[in-house]
Amino acid sequence: MQIRVTSPKAMILLGRDKGADGKSALADDQLFDLEVIKRKYSNMMDILTYDDLVRRLDNVIASLFRRRGAGSFVAKSLKRYVLELKSNNTIQFSA
């Protein structure tokens, strides 16, 4: 298998879009502005909120569960990681 990257994109992770109570943490005009900025720079970078990232990971895990089953090592590991992210509200990157 060969992978060829032709147009790498940056990813910017910022803030939350949901409060602890599950309601939107941003006003309607702030959400609109964020969406405009995301679309304006979509060809160069992916702008995400912390909650967007967690939702994406949830979707990846759900897909793995459907494809590989709930017993998959990768699915279990990712699920533990996302649960930890949700409980700590922190993300740690390593190089």
C-alpha atoms as a PDB file:
ATOM      1  CA  MET A   1       0.000   0.000   0.000  1.00  0.00           C
ATOM      2  CA  GLN A   2       1.297   3.434  -0.897  1.00  0.00           C
ATOM      3  CA  ILE A   3       0.097   6.687   0.641  1.00  0.00           C
ATOM      4  CA  ARG A   4       0.670   9.954  -1.148  1.00  0.00           C
ATOM      5  CA  VAL A   5      -0.050  13.261   0.585  1.00  0.00           C
ATOM      6  CA  THR A   6      -0.554  16.082  -1.877  1.00  0.00           C
ATOM      7  CA  SER A   7      -2.216  18.861   0.087  1.00  0.00           C
ATOM      8  CA  PRO A   8      -1.527  18.619   3.805  1.00  0.00           C
ATOM      9  CA  LYS A   9      -3.812  20.662   6.021  1.00  0.00           C
ATOM     10  CA  ALA A  10      -3.304  22.095   9.475  1.00  0.00           C
ATOM     11  CA  MET A  11      -5.707  21.443  12.307  1.00  0.00           C
ATOM     12  CA  ILE A  12      -6.569  24.126  14.836  1.00  0.00           C
ATOM     13  CA  LEU A  13      -8.256  23.052  18.040  1.00  0.00           C
ATOM     14  CA  LEU A  14      -9.968  25.735  20.058  1.00  0.00           C
ATOM     15  CA  GLY A  15     -12.394  26.073  22.941  1.00  0.00           C
ATOM     16  CA  ARG A  16     -15.701  24.392  23.589  1.00  0.00           C
ATOM     17  CA  ASP A  17     -19.002  24.718  21.776  1.00  0.00           C
ATOM     18  CA  LYS A  18     -21.045  23.043  24.515  1.00  0.00           C
ATOM     19  CA  GLY A  19     -21.272  23.927  28.193  1.00  0.00           C
ATOM     20  CA  ALA A  20     -21.227  21.411  31.046  1.00  0.00           C
ATOM     21  CA  ASP A  21     -25.044  21.406  30.945  1.00  0.00           C
ATOM     22  CA  GLY A  22     -25.034  20.374  27.264  1.00  0.00           C
ATOM     23  CA  LYS A  23     -26.310  23.730  26.033  1.00  0.00           C
ATOM     24  CA  SER A  24     -24.446  25.813  23.486  1.00  0.00           C
ATOM     25  CA  ALA A  25     -21.534  27.747  24.990  1.00  0.00           C
ATOM     26  CA  LEU A  26     -21.627  30.219  22.105  1.00  0.00           C
ATOM     27  CA  ALA A  27     -24.203  32.824  21.155  1.00  0.00           C
ATOM     28  CA  ASP A  28     -25.916  32.473  17.768  1.00  0.00           C
ATOM     29  CA  ASP A  29     -23.783  35.218  16.205  1.00  0.00           C
ATOM     30  CA  GLN A  30     -20.607  33.557  17.542  1.00  0.00           C
ATOM     31  CA  LEU A  31     -21.645  30.210  16.052  1.00  0.00           C
ATOM     32  CA  PHE A  32     -22.332  31.914  12.738  1.00  0.00           C
ATOM     33  CA  ASP A  33     -18.936  33.669  12.789  1.00  0.00           C
ATOM     34  CA  LEU A  34     -17.152  30.405  13.636  1.00  0.00           C
ATOM     35  CA  GLU A  35     -18.882  28.651  10.744  1.00  0.00           C
ATOM     36  CA  VAL A  36     -17.919  31.439   8.331  1.00  0.00           C
ATOM     37  CA  ILE A  37     -14.277  31.251   9.450  1.00  0.00           C
ATOM     38  CA  LYS A  38     -14.253  27.442   9.181  1.00  0.00           C
ATOM     39  CA  ARG A  39     -15.549  27.599   5.616  1.00  0.00           C
ATOM     40  CA  LYS A  40     -13.283  30.477   4.586  1.00  0.00           C
ATOM     41  CA  TYR A  41     -10.133  28.584   5.574  1.00  0.00           C
ATOM     42  CA  SER A  42     -11.330  25.025   4.843  1.00  0.00           C
ATOM     43  CA  ASN A  43      -8.891  24.649   1.948  1.00  0.00           C
ATOM     44  CA  MET A  44      -5.909  25.332   4.264  1.00  0.00           C
ATOM     45  CA  MET A  45      -6.896  24.134   7.721  1.00  0.00           C
ATOM     46  CA  ASP A  46      -9.492  22.294   9.720  1.00  0.00           C
ATOM     47  CA  ILE A  47     -10.777  24.452  12.580  1.00  0.00           C
ATOM     48  CA  LEU A  48     -12.384  22.393  15.339  1.00  0.00           C
ATOM     49  CA  THR A  49     -13.686  22.912  18.808  1.00  0.00           C
ATOM     50  CA  TYR A  50     -12.778  20.410  21.496  1.00  0.00           C
ATOM     51  CA  ASP A  51     -16.349  19.101  21.309  1.00  0.00           C
ATOM     52  CA  ASP A  52     -16.052  18.660  17.501  1.00  0.00           C
ATOM     53  CA  LEU A  53     -12.966  16.517  18.062  1.00  0.00           C
ATOM     54  CA  VAL A  54     -14.726  14.342  20.647  1.00  0.00           C
ATOM     55  CA  ARG A  55     -17.728  13.913  18.305  1.00  0.00           C
ATOM     56  CA  ARG A  56     -15.384  12.875  15.481  1.00  0.00           C
ATOM     57  CA  LEU A  57     -13.695  10.330  17.729  1.00  0.00           C
ATOM     58  CA  ASP A  58     -17.098   8.987  18.786  1.00  0.00           C
ATOM     59  CA  ASN A  59     -17.962   8.522  15.093  1.00  0.00           C
ATOM     60  CA  VAL A  60     -14.657   6.736  14.415  1.00  0.00           C
ATOM     61  CA  ILE A  61     -15.276   4.408  17.364  1.00  0.00           C
ATOM     62  CA  ALA A  62     -18.839   3.694  16.235  1.00  0.00           C
ATOM     63  CA  SER A  63     -17.535   2.878  12.765  1.00  0.00           C
ATOM     64  CA  LEU A  64     -14.886   0.536  14.192  1.00  0.00           C
ATOM     65  CA  PHE A  65     -17.519  -1.207  16.305  1.00  0.00           C
ATOM     66  CA  ARG A  66     -19.677  -1.754  13.226  1.00  0.00           C
ATOM     67  CA  ARG A  67     -16.766  -3.028  11.141  1.00  0.00           C
ATOM     68  CA  ARG A  68     -14.737  -4.994  13.649  1.00  0.00           C
ATOM     69  CA  GLY A  69     -17.134  -5.626  16.505  1.00  0.00           C
ATOM     70  CA  ALA A  70     -17.141  -4.385  20.072  1.00  0.00           C
ATOM     71  CA  GLY A  71     -14.341  -6.778  20.985  1.00  0.00           C
ATOM     72  CA  SER A  72     -11.795  -5.103  18.721  1.00  0.00           C
ATOM     73  CA  PHE A  73      -8.658  -4.004  20.573  1.00  0.00           C
ATOM     74  CA  VAL A  74      -8.521  -0.719  18.648  1.00  0.00           C
ATOM     75  CA  ALA A  75     -12.189   0.056  19.307  1.00  0.00           C
ATOM     76  CA  LYS A  76     -11.818  -0.666  23.022  1.00  0.00           C
ATOM     77  CA  SER A  77      -8.648   1.417  23.275  1.00  0.00           C
ATOM     78  CA  LEU A  78     -10.174   4.390  21.457  1.00  0.00           C
ATOM     79  CA  LYS A  79     -13.331   4.198  23.548  1.00  0.00           C
ATOM     80  CA  ARG A  80     -11.277   4.307  26.775  1.00  0.00           C
ATOM     81  CA  TYR A  81      -9.293   7.257  25.415  1.00  0.00           C
ATOM     82  CA  VAL A  82     -12.423   9.238  24.483  1.00  0.00           C
ATOM     83  CA  LEU A  83     -14.037   8.535  27.856  1.00  0.00           C
ATOM     84  CA  GLU A  84     -10.879   9.832  29.504  1.00  0.00           C
ATOM     85  CA  LEU A  85     -10.932  12.937  27.298  1.00  0.00           C
ATOM     86  CA  LYS A  86     -14.548  13.609  28.201  1.00  0.00           C
ATOM     87  CA  SER A  87     -13.937  13.197  31.927  1.00  0.00           C
ATOM     88  CA  ASN A  88     -10.731  15.287  32.050  1.00  0.00           C
ATOM     89  CA  ASN A  89     -11.612  17.907  29.421  1.00  0.00           C
ATOM     90  CA  THR A  90      -7.950  17.862  28.410  1.00  0.00           C
ATOM     91  CA  ILE A  91      -6.007  16.665  25.432  1.00  0.00           C
ATOM     92  CA  GLN A  92      -2.364  15.665  25.609  1.00  0.00           C
ATOM     93  CA  PHE A  93      -0.310  15.485  22.445  1.00  0.00           C
ATOM     94  CA  SER A  94       2.948  13.649  22.100  1.00  0.00           C
ATOM     95  CA  ALA A  95       5.430  13.898  19.279  1.00  0.00           C
END
